[in-house]
Protein backbone atom coordinates (compact mmCIF):
# COMPACT_ATOMS: atom_id res chain seq x y z
CA MET A 1 13.00 67.55 104.99
CA ILE A 2 15.20 65.58 107.39
CA HIS A 3 18.97 65.64 107.08
CA LEU A 4 22.10 64.85 109.07
CA THR A 5 24.78 67.46 109.65
CA ILE A 6 28.16 66.55 111.10
CA ALA A 7 28.43 68.41 114.40
CA GLN A 8 31.45 70.47 115.37
CA GLU A 9 32.62 71.62 118.79
CA LYS A 10 30.48 74.75 118.38
CA ASP A 11 27.39 72.47 118.26
CA LEU A 12 28.03 70.74 121.60
CA ALA A 13 25.83 73.16 123.55
CA THR A 14 22.95 72.30 121.20
CA ILE A 15 23.60 68.58 121.76
CA ALA A 16 23.64 69.04 125.56
CA HIS A 17 20.40 71.03 125.40
CA LEU A 18 18.68 68.39 123.25
CA ALA A 19 19.93 65.63 125.58
CA LYS A 20 18.40 67.36 128.59
CA ILE A 21 15.00 67.65 126.90
CA ILE A 22 14.98 64.15 125.39
CA TRP A 23 16.34 62.31 128.43
CA ASN A 24 13.90 64.00 130.80
CA ASP A 25 10.98 63.22 128.48
CA HIS A 26 11.95 59.61 127.78
CA TYR A 27 14.17 57.99 130.43
CA VAL A 28 12.74 59.02 133.80
CA PRO A 29 10.12 56.20 133.81
CA PHE A 30 12.77 53.46 133.49
CA ILE A 31 15.77 54.77 135.38
CA GLY A 32 14.39 57.58 137.55
CA GLN A 33 15.12 61.29 137.73
CA GLN A 34 18.25 60.91 139.90
CA GLN A 35 19.98 58.61 137.40
CA VAL A 36 18.89 60.80 134.47
CA ASP A 37 20.41 63.84 136.21
CA TYR A 38 23.59 61.89 137.03
CA MET A 39 24.02 60.67 133.45
CA LEU A 40 23.29 64.07 131.92
CA ASN A 41 25.86 65.68 134.23
CA LYS A 42 28.43 62.96 133.53
CA ILE A 43 28.02 62.45 129.77
CA TYR A 44 26.69 65.75 128.46
CA ASN A 45 28.81 68.34 130.21
CA HIS A 46 30.98 70.34 127.82
CA ALA A 47 34.30 68.74 128.83
CA SER A 48 32.89 65.21 128.43
CA LEU A 49 31.42 66.01 125.01
CA VAL A 50 34.73 67.52 123.85
CA GLU A 51 36.53 64.38 125.06
CA GLN A 52 34.07 62.15 123.18
CA LEU A 53 34.54 64.23 120.03
CA THR A 54 38.32 64.51 120.13
CA GLN A 55 39.92 61.74 122.20
CA LYS A 56 37.32 59.00 121.79
CA LYS A 57 36.81 59.91 118.12
CA HIS A 58 33.03 59.92 118.20
CA VAL A 59 31.46 61.54 115.15
CA PHE A 60 28.41 63.52 116.21
CA TYR A 61 25.56 64.36 113.85
CA LEU A 62 22.74 66.79 114.40
CA ILE A 63 19.40 65.54 113.10
CA LYS A 64 17.66 68.46 111.47
CA LYS A 65 14.11 68.95 110.26
CA GLU A 66 14.33 71.85 107.88
CA GLU A 67 16.86 73.93 109.86
CA GLU A 68 15.68 72.98 113.36
CA SER A 69 17.83 70.55 115.35
CA ILE A 70 15.44 67.83 116.58
CA GLY A 71 17.97 65.23 117.73
CA PHE A 72 21.49 63.92 117.50
CA LEU A 73 23.53 60.77 117.22
CA SER A 74 27.13 59.73 117.59
CA ILE A 75 29.11 56.84 116.15
CA SER A 76 32.64 55.55 116.18
CA SER A 77 34.57 52.91 114.27
CA GLU A 78 37.94 51.27 114.56
CA ASN A 79 37.97 49.94 110.99
CA GLN A 80 35.54 52.08 108.95
CA ALA A 81 33.24 49.07 108.37
CA ASP A 82 32.00 48.10 111.83
CA TYR A 83 30.43 50.96 113.76
CA PHE A 84 29.19 51.52 117.28
CA LEU A 85 26.15 53.75 117.67
CA HIS A 86 26.75 55.51 120.99
CA LYS A 87 23.83 57.90 120.89
CA PHE A 88 20.63 58.12 118.85
CA TYR A 89 18.10 60.56 120.23
CA ILE A 90 15.18 62.34 118.61
CA ASN A 91 12.84 64.73 120.35
CA GLN A 92 9.78 62.77 121.52
CA LYS A 93 7.49 65.28 119.77
CA GLN A 94 8.80 63.83 116.49
CA SER A 95 8.30 60.15 117.39
CA ASN A 96 6.17 57.74 115.36
CA SER A 97 6.67 59.82 112.22
CA GLY A 98 9.24 57.66 110.42
CA ILE A 99 12.06 60.09 111.09
CA GLY A 100 14.07 57.58 113.14
CA THR A 101 14.02 54.96 110.39
CA GLN A 102 14.91 57.57 107.78
CA VAL A 103 17.83 58.84 109.89
CA LEU A 104 19.12 55.35 110.67
CA HIS A 105 19.11 54.32 107.00
CA SER A 106 20.74 57.61 105.97
CA LEU A 107 23.47 57.02 108.54
CA ILE A 108 24.11 53.44 107.44
CA GLU A 109 24.29 54.55 103.82
CA ALA A 110 26.55 57.52 104.60
CA VAL A 111 29.14 55.47 106.48
CA GLN A 112 28.75 52.31 104.38
CA SER A 113 28.41 50.29 107.57
CA LYS A 114 28.79 46.50 107.40
CA SER A 115 27.71 46.14 111.01
CA LEU A 116 26.27 48.50 113.56
CA THR A 117 26.26 47.73 117.30
CA LEU A 118 24.46 49.62 120.04
CA THR A 119 23.25 49.29 123.61
CA VAL A 120 19.66 49.93 124.70
CA ASN A 121 18.07 49.85 128.15
CA ARG A 122 16.23 46.56 128.64
CA GLN A 123 13.10 48.42 129.79
CA ASN A 124 13.08 50.73 126.77
CA TYR A 125 10.54 48.65 124.81
CA LYS A 126 9.71 51.37 122.31
CA SER A 127 13.35 51.71 121.22
CA ILE A 128 13.98 47.95 121.30
CA ASN A 129 11.01 47.41 118.96
CA PHE A 130 12.26 50.21 116.70
CA TYR A 131 15.64 48.49 116.42
CA PHE A 132 14.01 45.09 115.75
CA LYS A 133 11.98 46.68 112.92
CA ASN A 134 15.20 48.04 111.46
CA GLY A 135 17.07 44.75 111.32
CA PHE A 136 18.83 44.62 114.70
CA LYS A 137 19.04 41.48 116.80
CA ILE A 138 19.91 41.10 120.46
CA ASP A 139 23.48 39.83 120.69
CA HIS A 140 23.72 39.64 124.48
CA VAL A 141 22.73 41.22 127.79
CA GLU A 142 25.19 43.41 129.65
CA ASP A 143 25.20 45.53 132.79
CA PHE A 144 27.51 48.53 132.90
CA ASP A 145 28.64 50.17 136.15
CA ILE A 146 28.54 53.90 135.49
CA GLY A 147 29.58 55.05 138.94
CA ASP A 148 27.89 56.38 142.08
CA GLY A 149 25.97 53.11 142.47
CA TYR A 150 24.23 53.43 139.10
CA GLN A 151 24.12 50.75 136.42
CA MET A 152 23.00 50.63 132.84
CA ASN A 153 21.08 47.37 132.30
CA ASP A 154 21.21 46.96 128.55
CA PHE A 155 20.77 44.72 125.58
CA VAL A 156 23.67 44.83 123.13
CA MET A 157 22.07 44.79 119.68
CA VAL A 158 23.72 44.29 116.30
CA ARG A 159 22.67 44.89 112.71
CA LYS A 160 24.75 43.28 109.97
CA ASP A 161 24.51 43.71 106.21
């Protein structure tokens, strides 16, 4: 059984550990090992995760299969109707099993989202197709400077109910 559990500060080490596994399995082919290492160090260190949780008001969820954490996501909202999906990662060993769709629909139902926006790497065809299948459309293209000469070259996608 798959379920979402709201993560607390005590769960941030689990999130960082999952990020390291998932990012190294999935992102190296599109952005390279150096950028993966840079982003993991920048975004998933303990201080950064605490800042996201407290100051940036991201709500983190652990994705659990039975009691095992197999992924995580984070969202934020300024108005409790329109949400931004900052992170949505599931261990690659669980891919193509319907878990992602189940989790996404559970999240949308739980927060009663009217619209959900996210960014996805333009070379990440598997994830782009997943989002298309789940009602997202490309809103626009955007490049984000993330420091040290690295960029995120993304599609901004939106799903509206």
